[in-house]
Amino acid sequence: MEDTQPYRKMSSDMDGTMLLGVEGIKKTILYGGTAEMPRFITGTKVTFHFRTQLCDDDRTVIDDSKVTGVPMEVVIGNMFKLEIWETLLTSMRIGEVAEFWCDVTHTGLYPLVAKSLRRIAEGKDPVDWHIHSCGMANMFAYHTLGYDDLDQLQKEPQPLYFVLELVKVQQPSEYDRESWALNDEERLKAVPLLHGQGNKLYKLGRYQDATNKYKEAIVCIKNIQHKEKAWEAPWLKLEKMGNMLTLNYCQCLLRMEEYYEVIEHTSDIINQHPGEMKAFYVRGKAHIEVWNEAEARADFERVLDLDPGMKKAVKKDLGVLNMRMEEKNEEDKVKYKGMF
């Protein structure tokens, strides 16, 4: 895939639409691959480029990994959100480029996947840790994905074309497995190790490195949690673990002066769990730093309602708030002095 222009179909002896034996999929080879069919087993890592297009007259391109220059990777058997891509990729040879038409039964989760991929390309966190979606039915429960075209596709699911180029196939022994490539049992074992590593890095003042460890642990938890039934015991246990890690992550962000991101993450926790005292406390500290006086006072008041034992800590933070507001008022007086 050298550019974003449509591929030419192969010569007539290879041209044609092939069914994969799965209802709702049609495959057309655009460029033949090399050698024999690769061996695909659980744990096989597949590297590929993709282009997603609408089924309109213009074949409107929604996403194209060639534009970002970064190929996609999935591990076979690891419950990738858009499972149909495993089916498509395992029908291909290395170097092959193929166009797949997939009906709406296979494309409903694409907006969620595309959102994560776009956020990665933009250098943002791909994971919405506190949006709880369990399967297709709940996918539409929240209001926006942050991209107008994906919001439209989420509201009105439709068939899509996927143009895939299979770049590389690696067997489990041929690459180092990162946490995203682990199975659920391995992920669960990795969480306390990553948590501990994050805590050590935090104590050393290496906040950015600590956030990476906490984030990796959270992703492990969320990858397991979405398979559980919401609000039942196993799900709630994972939710508690995830919230604790997210609050540790937010403590690092406070040190890194990323106050608005702290407010966003803690608010997500509070919206789902209004009795989570530590979330109110951490959010209150972030509000102090951005001069949200009323919001900070409200959060600290809620902290004391939930845990009167926090009185000493809250008193200290309210002192910091008063000092911050005095400083801001003095700055404002100087700033506006010459305007009137």
C-alpha atoms as a PDB file:
ATOM      1  CA  MET A   1       0.000   0.000   0.000  1.00  0.00           C
ATOM      2  CA  GLU A   2       2.127   2.891  -1.267  1.00  0.00           C
ATOM      3  CA  ASP A   3      -0.563   5.573  -1.110  1.00  0.00           C
ATOM      4  CA  THR A   4      -4.187   6.101  -0.245  1.00  0.00           C
ATOM      5  CA  GLN A   5      -5.489   5.667  -3.779  1.00  0.00           C
ATOM      6  CA  PRO A   6      -7.635   2.621  -4.588  1.00  0.00           C
ATOM      7  CA  TYR A   7      -5.741  -0.458  -5.710  1.00  0.00           C
ATOM      8  CA  ARG A   8      -6.139  -1.848  -9.163  1.00  0.00           C
ATOM      9  CA  LYS A   9      -7.753  -5.249  -9.179  1.00  0.00           C
ATOM     10  CA  MET A  10      -5.701  -8.216 -10.335  1.00  0.00           C
ATOM     11  CA  SER A  11      -5.787  -9.560 -13.869  1.00  0.00           C
ATOM     12  CA  SER A  12      -8.847 -11.461 -14.959  1.00  0.00           C
ATOM     13  CA  ASP A  13      -7.496 -14.879 -14.041  1.00  0.00           C
ATOM     14  CA  MET A  14      -7.183 -13.783 -10.404  1.00  0.00           C
ATOM     15  CA  ASP A  15      -9.980 -11.212 -10.325  1.00  0.00           C
ATOM     16  CA  GLY A  16     -13.264 -12.000  -8.663  1.00  0.00           C
ATOM     17  CA  THR A  17     -15.095 -12.059  -5.409  1.00  0.00           C
ATOM     18  CA  MET A  18     -14.527 -14.915  -3.022  1.00  0.00           C
ATOM     19  CA  LEU A  19     -16.633 -15.822  -0.041  1.00  0.00           C
ATOM     20  CA  LEU A  20     -14.760 -16.757   3.144  1.00  0.00           C
ATOM     21  CA  GLY A  21     -17.349 -19.216   4.355  1.00  0.00           C
ATOM     22  CA  VAL A  22     -18.574 -16.648   6.841  1.00  0.00           C
ATOM     23  CA  GLU A  23     -21.921 -15.035   6.215  1.00  0.00           C
ATOM     24  CA  GLY A  24     -21.776 -11.335   5.428  1.00  0.00           C
ATOM     25  CA  ILE A  25     -18.223 -11.203   4.045  1.00  0.00           C
ATOM     26  CA  LYS A  26     -16.971 -10.939   0.466  1.00  0.00           C
ATOM     27  CA  LYS A  27     -13.281 -10.904  -0.421  1.00  0.00           C
ATOM     28  CA  THR A  28     -11.627  -9.570  -3.550  1.00  0.00           C
ATOM     29  CA  ILE A  29      -7.862 -10.005  -3.970  1.00  0.00           C
ATOM     30  CA  LEU A  30      -6.296  -6.789  -5.283  1.00  0.00           C
ATOM     31  CA  TYR A  31      -2.679  -7.947  -5.191  1.00  0.00           C
ATOM     32  CA  GLY A  32      -1.522 -11.509  -4.662  1.00  0.00           C
ATOM     33  CA  GLY A  33       0.724 -12.434  -1.762  1.00  0.00           C
ATOM     34  CA  THR A  34       3.888 -14.512  -1.765  1.00  0.00           C
ATOM     35  CA  ALA A  35       4.831 -18.038  -0.747  1.00  0.00           C
ATOM     36  CA  GLU A  36       2.561 -20.403   1.156  1.00  0.00           C
ATOM     37  CA  MET A  37      -0.262 -19.525   3.508  1.00  0.00           C
ATOM     38  CA  PRO A  38       1.197 -18.460   6.876  1.00  0.00           C
ATOM     39  CA  ARG A  39       0.540 -20.554   9.969  1.00  0.00           C
ATOM     40  CA  PHE A  40      -1.974 -18.803  12.198  1.00  0.00           C
ATOM     41  CA  ILE A  41      -2.321 -20.110  15.770  1.00  0.00           C
ATOM     42  CA  THR A  42      -3.339 -18.582  19.089  1.00  0.00           C
ATOM     43  CA  GLY A  43      -0.631 -16.053  19.926  1.00  0.00           C
ATOM     44  CA  THR A  44       0.432 -15.390  16.334  1.00  0.00           C
ATOM     45  CA  LYS A  45       1.208 -11.694  15.909  1.00  0.00           C
ATOM     46  CA  VAL A  46      -0.044 -10.150  12.666  1.00  0.00           C
ATOM     47  CA  THR A  47       1.188  -6.807  11.325  1.00  0.00           C
ATOM     48  CA  PHE A  48      -0.887  -5.154   8.616  1.00  0.00           C
ATOM     49  CA  HIS A  49      -2.029  -1.891   7.056  1.00  0.00           C
ATOM     50  CA  PHE A  50      -5.717  -1.124   6.692  1.00  0.00           C
ATOM     51  CA  ARG A  51      -7.985   1.315   4.967  1.00  0.00           C
ATOM     52  CA  THR A  52     -11.666   1.612   5.889  1.00  0.00           C
ATOM     53  CA  GLN A  53     -14.188   2.926   3.368  1.00  0.00           C
ATOM     54  CA  LEU A  54     -17.896   3.598   3.291  1.00  0.00           C
ATOM     55  CA  CYS A  55     -20.057   1.773   0.748  1.00  0.00           C
ATOM     56  CA  ASP A  56     -21.091   5.011  -0.950  1.00  0.00           C
ATOM     57  CA  ASP A  57     -20.479   6.046  -4.557  1.00  0.00           C
ATOM     58  CA  ASP A  58     -17.243   7.799  -3.619  1.00  0.00           C
ATOM     59  CA  ARG A  59     -15.978   4.970  -1.422  1.00  0.00           C
ATOM     60  CA  THR A  60     -15.307   7.610   1.226  1.00  0.00           C
ATOM     61  CA  VAL A  61     -12.188   6.794   3.251  1.00  0.00           C
ATOM     62  CA  ILE A  62     -12.798   6.829   7.010  1.00  0.00           C
ATOM     63  CA  ASP A  63      -9.391   5.685   8.241  1.00  0.00           C
ATOM     64  CA  ASP A  64      -6.099   4.780   6.593  1.00  0.00           C
ATOM     65  CA  SER A  65      -3.073   3.506   8.514  1.00  0.00           C
ATOM     66  CA  LYS A  66      -0.827   4.591   5.632  1.00  0.00           C
ATOM     67  CA  VAL A  67      -1.671   8.203   6.418  1.00  0.00           C
ATOM     68  CA  THR A  68      -0.273   7.856   9.949  1.00  0.00           C
ATOM     69  CA  GLY A  69       2.537   5.625   8.708  1.00  0.00           C
ATOM     70  CA  VAL A  70       2.037   3.145  11.529  1.00  0.00           C
ATOM     71  CA  PRO A  71       0.817  -0.396  10.741  1.00  0.00           C
ATOM     72  CA  MET A  72      -1.693  -2.180  12.953  1.00  0.00           C
ATOM     73  CA  GLU A  73      -0.832  -5.217  15.078  1.00  0.00           C
ATOM     74  CA  VAL A  74      -3.159  -7.861  16.485  1.00  0.00           C
ATOM     75  CA  VAL A  75      -2.507 -11.147  18.234  1.00  0.00           C
ATOM     76  CA  ILE A  76      -4.647 -14.040  17.070  1.00  0.00           C
ATOM     77  CA  GLY A  77      -6.982 -15.404  19.751  1.00  0.00           C
ATOM     78  CA  ASN A  78      -6.679 -12.422  22.092  1.00  0.00           C
ATOM     79  CA  MET A  79     -10.265 -11.170  21.758  1.00  0.00           C
ATOM     80  CA  PHE A  80      -9.455  -8.051  19.724  1.00  0.00           C
ATOM     81  CA  LYS A  81     -12.589  -5.861  19.808  1.00  0.00           C
ATOM     82  CA  LEU A  82     -13.151  -6.170  16.059  1.00  0.00           C
ATOM     83  CA  GLU A  83     -12.872  -9.945  15.900  1.00  0.00           C
ATOM     84  CA  ILE A  84     -13.801 -10.075  12.225  1.00  0.00           C
ATOM     85  CA  TRP A  85     -10.362  -8.709  11.345  1.00  0.00           C
ATOM     86  CA  GLU A  86      -8.856 -11.975  12.599  1.00  0.00           C
ATOM     87  CA  THR A  87     -11.055 -13.861  10.140  1.00  0.00           C
ATOM     88  CA  LEU A  88     -10.046 -11.570   7.291  1.00  0.00           C
ATOM     89  CA  LEU A  89      -6.318 -11.603   8.040  1.00  0.00           C
ATOM     90  CA  THR A  90      -6.085 -15.368   8.436  1.00  0.00           C
ATOM     91  CA  SER A  91      -7.342 -15.740   4.863  1.00  0.00           C
ATOM     92  CA  MET A  92      -4.321 -13.824   3.504  1.00  0.00           C
ATOM     93  CA  ARG A  93      -0.742 -14.420   2.439  1.00  0.00           C
ATOM     94  CA  ILE A  94       2.177 -12.147   3.334  1.00  0.00           C
ATOM     95  CA  GLY A  95       2.286  -9.232   0.904  1.00  0.00           C
ATOM     96  CA  GLU A  96      -1.297  -9.784  -0.194  1.00  0.00           C
ATOM     97  CA  VAL A  97      -3.653  -6.837  -0.523  1.00  0.00           C
ATOM     98  CA  ALA A  98      -7.357  -7.659  -0.410  1.00  0.00           C
ATOM     99  CA  GLU A  99     -10.632  -5.789  -0.228  1.00  0.00           C
ATOM    100  CA  PHE A 100     -13.287  -7.150   2.116  1.00  0.00           C
ATOM    101  CA  TRP A 101     -16.918  -6.110   2.085  1.00  0.00           C
ATOM    102  CA  CYS A 102     -18.418  -6.759   5.518  1.00  0.00           C
ATOM    103  CA  ASP A 103     -22.070  -6.328   6.389  1.00  0.00           C
ATOM    104  CA  VAL A 104     -23.320  -4.551   9.478  1.00  0.00           C
ATOM    105  CA  THR A 105     -23.254  -7.667  11.690  1.00  0.00           C
ATOM    106  CA  HIS A 106     -19.462  -7.464  11.521  1.00  0.00           C
ATOM    107  CA  THR A 107     -18.906  -3.691  11.601  1.00  0.00           C
ATOM    108  CA  GLY A 108     -20.955  -2.503  14.589  1.00  0.00           C
ATOM    109  CA  LEU A 109     -17.937  -2.148  16.887  1.00  0.00           C
ATOM    110  CA  TYR A 110     -15.757  -0.408  14.309  1.00  0.00           C
ATOM    111  CA  PRO A 111     -16.408   3.129  15.654  1.00  0.00           C
ATOM    112  CA  LEU A 112     -14.994   2.135  19.064  1.00  0.00           C
ATOM    113  CA  VAL A 113     -11.918   0.549  17.490  1.00  0.00           C
ATOM    114  CA  ALA A 114     -11.397   3.509  15.164  1.00  0.00           C
ATOM    115  CA  LYS A 115     -11.604   5.953  18.071  1.00  0.00           C
ATOM    116  CA  SER A 116      -8.796   4.142  19.901  1.00  0.00           C
ATOM    117  CA  LEU A 117      -6.648   3.984  16.762  1.00  0.00           C
ATOM    118  CA  ARG A 118      -7.135   7.684  16.065  1.00  0.00           C
ATOM    119  CA  ARG A 119      -6.278   8.646  19.625  1.00  0.00           C
ATOM    120  CA  ILE A 120      -3.066   6.617  19.385  1.00  0.00           C
ATOM    121  CA  ALA A 121      -2.185   8.371  16.117  1.00  0.00           C
ATOM    122  CA  GLU A 122      -2.797  11.738  17.844  1.00  0.00           C
ATOM    123  CA  GLY A 123      -0.524  10.779  20.728  1.00  0.00           C
ATOM    124  CA  LYS A 124      -3.413  10.519  23.165  1.00  0.00           C
ATOM    125  CA  ASP A 125      -4.470   7.817  25.591  1.00  0.00           C
ATOM    126  CA  PRO A 126      -6.485   5.280  23.550  1.00  0.00           C
ATOM    127  CA  VAL A 127      -8.460   3.917  26.487  1.00  0.00           C
ATOM    128  CA  ASP A 128     -11.699   5.335  27.899  1.00  0.00           C
ATOM    129  CA  TRP A 129     -11.231   3.726  31.253  1.00  0.00           C
ATOM    130  CA  HIS A 130     -14.582   4.662  32.758  1.00  0.00           C
ATOM    131  CA  ILE A 131     -16.933   4.233  29.830  1.00  0.00           C
ATOM    132  CA  HIS A 132     -18.667   0.974  30.576  1.00  0.00           C
ATOM    133  CA  SER A 133     -19.749  -0.811  27.418  1.00  0.00           C
ATOM    134  CA  CYS A 134     -20.501  -4.489  27.551  1.00  0.00           C
ATOM    135  CA  GLY A 135     -21.226  -5.800  24.094  1.00  0.00           C
ATOM    136  CA  MET A 136     -23.244  -4.353  21.247  1.00  0.00           C
ATOM    137  CA  ALA A 137     -26.315  -3.384  23.264  1.00  0.00           C
ATOM    138  CA  ASN A 138     -24.464  -0.973  25.537  1.00  0.00           C
ATOM    139  CA  MET A 139     -22.215   0.433  22.864  1.00  0.00           C
ATOM    140  CA  PHE A 140     -24.695   3.216  22.166  1.00  0.00           C
ATOM    141  CA  ALA A 141     -25.204   4.211  25.790  1.00  0.00           C
ATOM    142  CA  TYR A 142     -22.897   7.218  25.811  1.00  0.00           C
ATOM    143  CA  HIS A 143     -23.264  10.349  23.755  1.00  0.00           C
ATOM    144  CA  THR A 144     -20.136  10.854  21.652  1.00  0.00           C
ATOM    145  CA  LEU A 145     -16.892   9.285  20.552  1.00  0.00           C
ATOM    146  CA  GLY A 146     -15.336  12.673  19.884  1.00  0.00           C
ATOM    147  CA  TYR A 147     -15.357  12.319  16.091  1.00  0.00           C
ATOM    148  CA  ASP A 148     -18.396  13.341  14.041  1.00  0.00           C
ATOM    149  CA  ASP A 149     -18.017  10.645  11.391  1.00  0.00           C
ATOM    150  CA  LEU A 150     -17.668   7.897  14.014  1.00  0.00           C
ATOM    151  CA  ASP A 151     -20.643   9.254  15.957  1.00  0.00           C
ATOM    152  CA  GLN A 152     -22.704   9.027  12.764  1.00  0.00           C
ATOM    153  CA  LEU A 153     -21.489   5.504  12.105  1.00  0.00           C
ATOM    154  CA  GLN A 154     -22.309   4.531  15.673  1.00  0.00           C
ATOM    155  CA  LYS A 155     -25.852   5.888  15.378  1.00  0.00           C
ATOM    156  CA  GLU A 156     -26.426   4.315  11.974  1.00  0.00           C
ATOM    157  CA  PRO A 157     -24.266   1.170  11.604  1.00  0.00           C
ATOM    158  CA  GLN A 158     -23.646   0.193   7.996  1.00  0.00           C
ATOM    159  CA  PRO A 159     -21.581  -2.198   5.869  1.00  0.00           C
ATOM    160  CA  LEU A 160     -17.954  -1.200   5.320  1.00  0.00           C
ATOM    161  CA  TYR A 161     -15.074  -2.023   3.019  1.00  0.00           C
ATOM    162  CA  PHE A 162     -11.764  -2.967   4.637  1.00  0.00           C
ATOM    163  CA  VAL A 163      -8.704  -2.937   2.372  1.00  0.00           C
ATOM    164  CA  LEU A 164      -5.979  -4.900   4.167  1.00  0.00           C
ATOM    165  CA  GLU A 165      -2.308  -5.472   3.379  1.00  0.00           C
ATOM    166  CA  LEU A 166      -0.669  -8.297   5.312  1.00  0.00           C
ATOM    167  CA  VAL A 167       2.858  -7.112   6.138  1.00  0.00           C
ATOM    168  CA  LYS A 168       4.254  -9.637   8.608  1.00  0.00           C
ATOM    169  CA  VAL A 169       3.298 -12.779  10.547  1.00  0.00           C
ATOM    170  CA  GLN A 170       5.214 -13.762  13.705  1.00  0.00           C
ATOM    171  CA  GLN A 171       4.761 -16.898  15.755  1.00  0.00           C
ATOM    172  CA  PRO A 172       4.566 -16.586  19.583  1.00  0.00           C
ATOM    173  CA  SER A 173       8.239 -17.565  20.012  1.00  0.00           C
ATOM    174  CA  GLU A 174       9.400 -14.961  17.499  1.00  0.00           C
ATOM    175  CA  TYR A 175       8.540 -11.770  19.416  1.00  0.00           C
ATOM    176  CA  ASP A 176       8.522 -10.383  22.960  1.00  0.00           C
ATOM    177  CA  ARG A 177       4.974 -10.333  24.231  1.00  0.00           C
ATOM    178  CA  GLU A 178       3.811  -7.014  25.653  1.00  0.00           C
ATOM    179  CA  SER A 179       0.908  -6.823  28.090  1.00  0.00           C
ATOM    180  CA  TRP A 180      -1.619  -6.240  25.293  1.00  0.00           C
ATOM    181  CA  ALA A 181      -0.591  -9.572  23.793  1.00  0.00           C
ATOM    182  CA  LEU A 182      -1.151 -11.598  26.978  1.00  0.00           C
ATOM    183  CA  ASN A 183      -4.129 -13.828  27.644  1.00  0.00           C
ATOM    184  CA  ASP A 184      -6.528 -13.010  30.492  1.00  0.00           C
ATOM    185  CA  GLU A 185      -4.777 -15.172  33.095  1.00  0.00           C
ATOM    186  CA  GLU A 186      -1.412 -13.632  32.246  1.00  0.00           C
ATOM    187  CA  ARG A 187      -2.897 -10.128  32.315  1.00  0.00           C
ATOM    188  CA  LEU A 188      -4.366 -10.656  35.772  1.00  0.00           C
ATOM    189  CA  LYS A 189      -0.982 -11.829  37.073  1.00  0.00           C
ATOM    190  CA  ALA A 190       0.738  -8.837  35.483  1.00  0.00           C
ATOM    191  CA  VAL A 191      -1.467  -6.230  37.218  1.00  0.00           C
ATOM    192  CA  PRO A 192       0.071  -6.358  40.747  1.00  0.00           C
ATOM    193  CA  LEU A 193       3.575  -6.419  39.255  1.00  0.00           C
ATOM    194  CA  LEU A 194       2.887  -3.338  37.136  1.00  0.00           C
ATOM    195  CA  HIS A 195       1.189  -1.660  40.122  1.00  0.00           C
ATOM    196  CA  GLY A 196       4.242  -2.265  42.294  1.00  0.00           C
ATOM    197  CA  GLN A 197       6.602  -1.000  39.610  1.00  0.00           C
ATOM    198  CA  GLY A 198       4.489   2.142  39.251  1.00  0.00           C
ATOM    199  CA  ASN A 199       4.596   2.778  42.998  1.00  0.00           C
ATOM    200  CA  LYS A 200       8.392   2.461  43.072  1.00  0.00           C
ATOM    201  CA  LEU A 201       8.797   4.840  40.157  1.00  0.00           C
ATOM    202  CA  TYR A 202       6.453   7.336  41.830  1.00  0.00           C
ATOM    203  CA  LYS A 203       8.539   7.315  45.004  1.00  0.00           C
ATOM    204  CA  LEU A 204      11.633   7.948  42.875  1.00  0.00           C
ATOM    205  CA  GLY A 205       9.959  10.978  41.311  1.00  0.00           C
ATOM    206  CA  ARG A 206       9.822   9.340  37.872  1.00  0.00           C
ATOM    207  CA  TYR A 207       6.203  10.292  37.329  1.00  0.00           C
ATOM    208  CA  GLN A 208       6.029   9.812  33.562  1.00  0.00           C
ATOM    209  CA  ASP A 209       7.459   6.295  33.847  1.00  0.00           C
ATOM    210  CA  ALA A 210       5.050   5.554  36.700  1.00  0.00           C
ATOM    211  CA  THR A 211       2.061   6.655  34.605  1.00  0.00           C
ATOM    212  CA  ASN A 212       3.112   4.205  31.891  1.00  0.00           C
ATOM    213  CA  LYS A 213       3.110   1.318  34.381  1.00  0.00           C
ATOM    214  CA  TYR A 214      -0.250   2.302  35.881  1.00  0.00           C
ATOM    215  CA  LYS A 215      -1.752   2.758  32.429  1.00  0.00           C
ATOM    216  CA  GLU A 216      -0.516  -0.655  31.295  1.00  0.00           C
ATOM    217  CA  ALA A 217      -2.069  -2.261  34.379  1.00  0.00           C
ATOM    218  CA  ILE A 218      -5.372  -0.457  33.771  1.00  0.00           C
ATOM    219  CA  VAL A 219      -5.476  -1.650  30.165  1.00  0.00           C
ATOM    220  CA  CYS A 220      -4.918  -5.230  31.364  1.00  0.00           C
ATOM    221  CA  ILE A 221      -7.867  -4.913  33.743  1.00  0.00           C
ATOM    222  CA  LYS A 222     -10.187  -3.312  31.199  1.00  0.00           C
ATOM    223  CA  ASN A 223      -9.401  -5.978  28.609  1.00  0.00           C
ATOM    224  CA  ILE A 224     -10.605  -8.595  31.091  1.00  0.00           C
ATOM    225  CA  GLN A 225     -13.463  -6.568  32.554  1.00  0.00           C
ATOM    226  CA  HIS A 226     -15.333  -5.966  29.305  1.00  0.00           C
ATOM    227  CA  LYS A 227     -15.953  -9.726  29.095  1.00  0.00           C
ATOM    228  CA  GLU A 228     -17.711  -9.766  32.486  1.00  0.00           C
ATOM    229  CA  LYS A 229     -21.331  -8.815  33.122  1.00  0.00           C
ATOM    230  CA  ALA A 230     -21.535  -5.229  34.363  1.00  0.00           C
ATOM    231  CA  TRP A 231     -22.071  -4.663  38.098  1.00  0.00           C
ATOM    232  CA  GLU A 232     -21.813  -8.343  39.032  1.00  0.00           C
ATOM    233  CA  ALA A 233     -19.160  -9.505  41.528  1.00  0.00           C
ATOM    234  CA  PRO A 234     -16.269 -10.312  39.130  1.00  0.00           C
ATOM    235  CA  TRP A 235     -16.828  -7.048  37.237  1.00  0.00           C
ATOM    236  CA  LEU A 236     -16.996  -5.015  40.455  1.00  0.00           C
ATOM    237  CA  LYS A 237     -13.766  -6.553  41.753  1.00  0.00           C
ATOM    238  CA  LEU A 238     -11.972  -5.527  38.554  1.00  0.00           C
ATOM    239  CA  GLU A 239     -13.649  -2.107  38.694  1.00  0.00           C
ATOM    240  CA  LYS A 240     -12.263  -1.501  42.177  1.00  0.00           C
ATOM    241  CA  MET A 241      -8.769  -2.485  41.049  1.00  0.00           C
ATOM    242  CA  GLY A 242      -9.035  -0.231  38.005  1.00  0.00           C
ATOM    243  CA  ASN A 243     -10.230   2.755  40.032  1.00  0.00           C
ATOM    244  CA  MET A 244      -7.358   2.400  42.497  1.00  0.00           C
ATOM    245  CA  LEU A 245      -4.834   2.340  39.670  1.00  0.00           C
ATOM    246  CA  THR A 246      -6.500   5.284  37.939  1.00  0.00           C
ATOM    247  CA  LEU A 247      -6.265   7.362  41.105  1.00  0.00           C
ATOM    248  CA  ASN A 248      -2.570   6.480  41.400  1.00  0.00           C
ATOM    249  CA  TYR A 249      -2.220   7.552  37.777  1.00  0.00           C
ATOM    250  CA  CYS A 250      -3.935  10.833  38.643  1.00  0.00           C
ATOM    251  CA  GLN A 251      -1.523  11.409  41.528  1.00  0.00           C
ATOM    252  CA  CYS A 252       1.281  11.295  38.960  1.00  0.00           C
ATOM    253  CA  LEU A 253      -0.613  13.708  36.717  1.00  0.00           C
ATOM    254  CA  LEU A 254      -0.920  16.143  39.629  1.00  0.00           C
ATOM    255  CA  ARG A 255       2.865  16.101  39.955  1.00  0.00           C
ATOM    256  CA  MET A 256       3.148  16.603  36.192  1.00  0.00           C
ATOM    257  CA  GLU A 257       0.715  19.577  36.384  1.00  0.00           C
ATOM    258  CA  GLU A 258      -1.819  17.895  34.084  1.00  0.00           C
ATOM    259  CA  TYR A 259      -4.687  19.195  36.186  1.00  0.00           C
ATOM    260  CA  TYR A 260      -7.513  19.117  33.657  1.00  0.00           C
ATOM    261  CA  GLU A 261      -6.802  15.485  32.808  1.00  0.00           C
ATOM    262  CA  VAL A 262      -6.957  14.693  36.527  1.00  0.00           C
ATOM    263  CA  ILE A 263     -10.352  16.384  36.737  1.00  0.00           C
ATOM    264  CA  GLU A 264     -11.576  14.377  33.737  1.00  0.00           C
ATOM    265  CA  HIS A 265     -10.509  10.974  35.074  1.00  0.00           C
ATOM    266  CA  THR A 266     -11.658  11.548  38.644  1.00  0.00           C
ATOM    267  CA  SER A 267     -15.001  12.901  37.445  1.00  0.00           C
ATOM    268  CA  ASP A 268     -15.488   9.701  35.431  1.00  0.00           C
ATOM    269  CA  ILE A 269     -14.951   7.656  38.599  1.00  0.00           C
ATOM    270  CA  ILE A 270     -17.265   9.863  40.657  1.00  0.00           C
ATOM    271  CA  ASN A 271     -20.026   9.661  38.055  1.00  0.00           C
ATOM    272  CA  GLN A 272     -19.981   5.865  38.348  1.00  0.00           C
ATOM    273  CA  HIS A 273     -19.084   5.616  42.044  1.00  0.00           C
ATOM    274  CA  PRO A 274     -20.258   8.707  43.974  1.00  0.00           C
ATOM    275  CA  GLY A 275     -18.980   7.270  47.254  1.00  0.00           C
ATOM    276  CA  GLU A 276     -15.333   7.092  46.162  1.00  0.00           C
ATOM    277  CA  MET A 277     -13.758   9.473  48.667  1.00  0.00           C
ATOM    278  CA  LYS A 278     -10.262   9.471  47.216  1.00  0.00           C
ATOM    279  CA  ALA A 279     -11.591  10.541  43.811  1.00  0.00           C
ATOM    280  CA  PHE A 280     -13.184  13.634  45.371  1.00  0.00           C
ATOM    281  CA  TYR A 281      -9.973  14.371  47.262  1.00  0.00           C
ATOM    282  CA  VAL A 282      -7.715  14.106  44.214  1.00  0.00           C
ATOM    283  CA  ARG A 283     -10.142  16.126  42.092  1.00  0.00           C
ATOM    284  CA  GLY A 284     -10.298  18.797  44.797  1.00  0.00           C
ATOM    285  CA  LYS A 285      -6.510  19.133  44.696  1.00  0.00           C
ATOM    286  CA  ALA A 286      -6.642  19.555  40.906  1.00  0.00           C
ATOM    287  CA  HIS A 287      -9.364  22.199  41.212  1.00  0.00           C
ATOM    288  CA  ILE A 288      -7.104  24.159  43.574  1.00  0.00           C
ATOM    289  CA  GLU A 289      -4.389  24.380  40.933  1.00  0.00           C
ATOM    290  CA  VAL A 290      -6.708  25.780  38.250  1.00  0.00           C
ATOM    291  CA  TRP A 291      -8.414  28.252  40.637  1.00  0.00           C
ATOM    292  CA  ASN A 292     -11.787  26.499  40.651  1.00  0.00           C
ATOM    293  CA  GLU A 293     -12.526  27.669  44.179  1.00  0.00           C
ATOM    294  CA  ALA A 294     -16.184  26.659  44.462  1.00  0.00           C
ATOM    295  CA  GLU A 295     -15.538  23.223  42.936  1.00  0.00           C
ATOM    296  CA  ALA A 296     -12.570  22.577  45.220  1.00  0.00           C
ATOM    297  CA  ARG A 297     -14.518  23.511  48.346  1.00  0.00           C
ATOM    298  CA  ALA A 298     -17.437  21.323  47.277  1.00  0.00           C
ATOM    299  CA  ASP A 299     -15.129  18.344  46.718  1.00  0.00           C
ATOM    300  CA  PHE A 300     -13.391  18.725  50.082  1.00  0.00           C
ATOM    301  CA  GLU A 301     -16.755  19.064  51.816  1.00  0.00           C
ATOM    302  CA  ARG A 302     -17.786  15.771  50.210  1.00  0.00           C
ATOM    303  CA  VAL A 303     -14.500  14.205  51.356  1.00  0.00           C
ATOM    304  CA  LEU A 304     -15.323  15.064  54.956  1.00  0.00           C
ATOM    305  CA  ASP A 305     -18.863  13.715  54.566  1.00  0.00           C
ATOM    306  CA  LEU A 306     -17.446  10.397  53.394  1.00  0.00           C
ATOM    307  CA  ASP A 307     -14.486  10.245  55.790  1.00  0.00           C
ATOM    308  CA  PRO A 308     -14.342  12.659  58.774  1.00  0.00           C
ATOM    309  CA  GLY A 309     -10.870  11.292  59.476  1.00  0.00           C
ATOM    310  CA  MET A 310      -9.600  13.365  56.540  1.00  0.00           C
ATOM    311  CA  LYS A 311     -10.214  16.605  58.477  1.00  0.00           C
ATOM    312  CA  LYS A 312      -6.522  17.386  59.039  1.00  0.00           C
ATOM    313  CA  ALA A 313      -5.549  16.796  55.391  1.00  0.00           C
ATOM    314  CA  VAL A 314      -8.515  18.802  54.106  1.00  0.00           C
ATOM    315  CA  LYS A 315      -7.711  21.704  56.446  1.00  0.00           C
ATOM    316  CA  LYS A 316      -4.202  21.827  54.995  1.00  0.00           C
ATOM    317  CA  ASP A 317      -5.519  21.762  51.420  1.00  0.00           C
ATOM    318  CA  LEU A 318      -8.059  24.503  52.145  1.00  0.00           C
ATOM    319  CA  GLY A 319      -5.150  26.604  53.382  1.00  0.00           C
ATOM    320  CA  VAL A 320      -3.405  26.048  50.053  1.00  0.00           C
ATOM    321  CA  LEU A 321      -6.640  26.969  48.244  1.00  0.00           C
ATOM    322  CA  ASN A 322      -6.934  30.246  50.183  1.00  0.00           C
ATOM    323  CA  MET A 323      -3.338  31.077  49.349  1.00  0.00           C
ATOM    324  CA  ARG A 324      -3.827  30.291  45.645  1.00  0.00           C
ATOM    325  CA  MET A 325      -6.939  32.463  45.466  1.00  0.00           C
ATOM    326  CA  GLU A 326      -5.183  35.379  47.185  1.00  0.00           C
ATOM    327  CA  GLU A 327      -2.323  35.108  44.702  1.00  0.00           C
ATOM    328  CA  LYS A 328      -4.750  35.060  41.790  1.00  0.00           C
ATOM    329  CA  ASN A 329      -6.664  38.062  43.103  1.00  0.00           C
ATOM    330  CA  GLU A 330      -3.423  40.047  43.399  1.00  0.00           C
ATOM    331  CA  GLU A 331      -2.423  39.031  39.878  1.00  0.00           C
ATOM    332  CA  ASP A 332      -5.821  40.090  38.562  1.00  0.00           C
ATOM    333  CA  LYS A 333      -5.547  43.485  40.254  1.00  0.00           C
ATOM    334  CA  VAL A 334      -2.191  44.122  38.599  1.00  0.00           C
ATOM    335  CA  LYS A 335      -3.417  42.764  35.260  1.00  0.00           C
ATOM    336  CA  TYR A 336      -6.507  44.953  35.091  1.00  0.00           C
ATOM    337  CA  LYS A 337      -5.128  48.025  36.875  1.00  0.00           C
ATOM    338  CA  GLY A 338      -4.286  49.913  33.703  1.00  0.00           C
ATOM    339  CA  MET A 339      -7.519  49.011  31.921  1.00  0.00           C
ATOM    340  CA  PHE A 340      -9.853  51.331  33.876  1.00  0.00           C
END
